[in-house]
C-alpha atoms as a PDB file:
ATOM      1  CA  MET A   1      91.266 113.995  88.674  1.00  0.00           C
ATOM      2  CA  HIS A   2      89.510 110.810  89.931  1.00  0.00           C
ATOM      3  CA  THR A   3      91.006 108.676  86.693  1.00  0.00           C
ATOM      4  CA  ILE A   4      94.452 109.964  87.433  1.00  0.00           C
ATOM      5  CA  MET A   5      93.965 108.711  91.288  1.00  0.00           C
ATOM      6  CA  TRP A   6      92.481 105.463  90.163  1.00  0.00           C
ATOM      7  CA  TYR A   7      95.311 104.502  88.038  1.00  0.00           C
ATOM      8  CA  ALA A   8      97.593 105.723  91.345  1.00  0.00           C
ATOM      9  CA  VAL A   9      96.234 103.375  93.215  1.00  0.00           C
ATOM     10  CA  LEU A  10      96.168 100.566  90.847  1.00  0.00           C
ATOM     11  CA  VAL A  11      99.661 100.953  90.163  1.00  0.00           C
ATOM     12  CA  TRP A  12     100.614 100.810  94.008  1.00  0.00           C
ATOM     13  CA  PHE A  13      98.176  98.191  94.553  1.00  0.00           C
ATOM     14  CA  SER A  14     100.168  95.999  91.550  1.00  0.00           C
ATOM     15  CA  ALA A  15     103.640  96.656  92.803  1.00  0.00           C
ATOM     16  CA  SER A  16     102.830  95.704  96.310  1.00  0.00           C
ATOM     17  CA  LEU A  17     101.602  92.516  94.761  1.00  0.00           C
ATOM     18  CA  LEU A  18     104.480  92.049  92.631  1.00  0.00           C
ATOM     19  CA  SER A  19     106.711  93.070  95.163  1.00  0.00           C
ATOM     20  CA  GLN A  20     105.423  90.281  97.630  1.00  0.00           C
ATOM     21  CA  SER A  21     104.851  87.684  94.922  1.00  0.00           C
ATOM     22  CA  LEU A  22     108.593  87.929  93.876  1.00  0.00           C
ATOM     23  CA  TYR A  23     110.259  88.206  97.679  1.00  0.00           C
ATOM     24  CA  LEU A  24     108.218  84.877  97.899  1.00  0.00           C
ATOM     25  CA  ALA A  25     109.543  83.305  94.828  1.00  0.00           C
ATOM     26  CA  PHE A  26     113.140  83.888  96.243  1.00  0.00           C
ATOM     27  CA  TYR A  27     112.816  83.255 100.249  1.00  0.00           C
ATOM     28  CA  ARG A  28     109.807  81.201 100.129  1.00  0.00           C
ATOM     29  CA  GLU A  29     108.011  83.206 103.167  1.00  0.00           C
ATOM     30  CA  PRO A  30     106.620  86.828 103.092  1.00  0.00           C
ATOM     31  CA  TYR A  31     108.470  89.688 103.911  1.00  0.00           C
ATOM     32  CA  ASP A  32     107.815  91.549 107.151  1.00  0.00           C
ATOM     33  CA  ALA A  33     106.866  95.119 105.926  1.00  0.00           C
ATOM     34  CA  MET A  34     107.571  96.745 109.007  1.00  0.00           C
ATOM     35  CA  VAL A  35     111.127  95.167 109.245  1.00  0.00           C
ATOM     36  CA  LEU A  36     111.831  96.325 105.448  1.00  0.00           C
ATOM     37  CA  LEU A  37     110.279  99.798 106.223  1.00  0.00           C
ATOM     38  CA  LYS A  38     112.453 100.507 109.020  1.00  0.00           C
ATOM     39  CA  THR A  39     115.642  99.855 107.918  1.00  0.00           C
ATOM     40  CA  LEU A  40     114.913 102.757 105.407  1.00  0.00           C
ATOM     41  CA  GLY A  41     115.595 105.057 108.729  1.00  0.00           C
ATOM     42  CA  PRO A  42     114.331 108.087 108.399  1.00  0.00           C
ATOM     43  CA  ILE A  43     112.796 108.012 105.597  1.00  0.00           C
ATOM     44  CA  TYR A  44     110.274 105.232 107.003  1.00  0.00           C
ATOM     45  CA  TYR A  45     108.036 107.935 108.250  1.00  0.00           C
ATOM     46  CA  PHE A  46     107.838 109.502 104.666  1.00  0.00           C
ATOM     47  CA  VAL A  47     107.194 106.269 103.130  1.00  0.00           C
ATOM     48  CA  PHE A  48     104.408 105.402 105.768  1.00  0.00           C
ATOM     49  CA  LEU A  49     103.224 108.632 105.457  1.00  0.00           C
ATOM     50  CA  ILE A  50     102.534 108.409 101.158  1.00  0.00           C
ATOM     51  CA  GLU A  51     101.184 104.523 102.304  1.00  0.00           C
ATOM     52  CA  ILE A  52      98.416 106.004 104.539  1.00  0.00           C
ATOM     53  CA  VAL A  53      97.855 108.743 101.943  1.00  0.00           C
ATOM     54  CA  MET A  54      97.086 106.132  99.403  1.00  0.00           C
ATOM     55  CA  TRP A  55      94.745 103.960 101.710  1.00  0.00           C
ATOM     56  CA  VAL A  56      92.594 106.962 102.558  1.00  0.00           C
ATOM     57  CA  THR A  57      92.726 108.365  98.799  1.00  0.00           C
ATOM     58  CA  PHE A  58      91.260 104.899  98.079  1.00  0.00           C
ATOM     59  CA  PHE A  59      88.624 104.384 100.710  1.00  0.00           C
ATOM     60  CA  ILE A  60      87.247 108.075  99.712  1.00  0.00           C
ATOM     61  CA  LEU A  61      87.329 107.251  95.844  1.00  0.00           C
ATOM     62  CA  GLY A  62      85.601 103.927  96.294  1.00  0.00           C
ATOM     63  CA  PHE A  63      83.156 105.903  98.628  1.00  0.00           C
ATOM     64  CA  SER A  64      82.570 108.555  96.110  1.00  0.00           C
ATOM     65  CA  LYS A  65      82.226 106.152  92.998  1.00  0.00           C
ATOM     66  CA  MET A  66      79.908 103.802  95.181  1.00  0.00           C
ATOM     67  CA  LYS A  67      77.614 107.532  96.605  1.00  0.00           C
ATOM     68  CA  SER A  68      77.317 108.425  92.694  1.00  0.00           C
ATOM     69  CA  PHE A  69      76.508 104.846  91.357  1.00  0.00           C
ATOM     70  CA  LYS A  70      73.840 104.857  94.001  1.00  0.00           C
ATOM     71  CA  SER A  71      72.510 108.066  92.921  1.00  0.00           C
ATOM     72  CA  ARG A  72      72.415 107.279  89.274  1.00  0.00           C
ATOM     73  CA  SER A  73      70.548 103.742  89.762  1.00  0.00           C
ATOM     74  CA  ALA A  74      68.237 105.064  92.199  1.00  0.00           C
ATOM     75  CA  PRO A  75      64.623 105.057  90.444  1.00  0.00           C
ATOM     76  CA  GLU A  76      63.010 108.899  90.713  1.00  0.00           C
ATOM     77  CA  PHE A  77      59.627 108.897  92.125  1.00  0.00           C
ATOM     78  CA  VAL A  78      57.409 111.547  90.724  1.00  0.00           C
ATOM     79  CA  ASN A  79      54.549 112.533  92.797  1.00  0.00           C
ATOM     80  CA  SER A  80      51.071 111.667  91.231  1.00  0.00           C
ATOM     81  CA  THR A  81      49.252 114.656  91.999  1.00  0.00           C
ATOM     82  CA  THR A  82      51.834 117.222  90.242  1.00  0.00           C
ATOM     83  CA  VAL A  83      51.453 115.277  87.018  1.00  0.00           C
END
């Protein structure tokens, strides 16, 4: 499941980057995301909710990845009295 979510975050981020760069290429200025989202009408709230869920997922996955990396790389200390 973690791999699929990382792919979803990567695709979402890449699509946002590509979208912004294409808009810049055509119109020579960055688009205002809030104006574009509000033109969607009531669907705007659903798209905004998806965006929030993707950010939260990104941070949760990143935090869990760092936590698991730290626990793997931390050296284990052996108590000398038990050896």
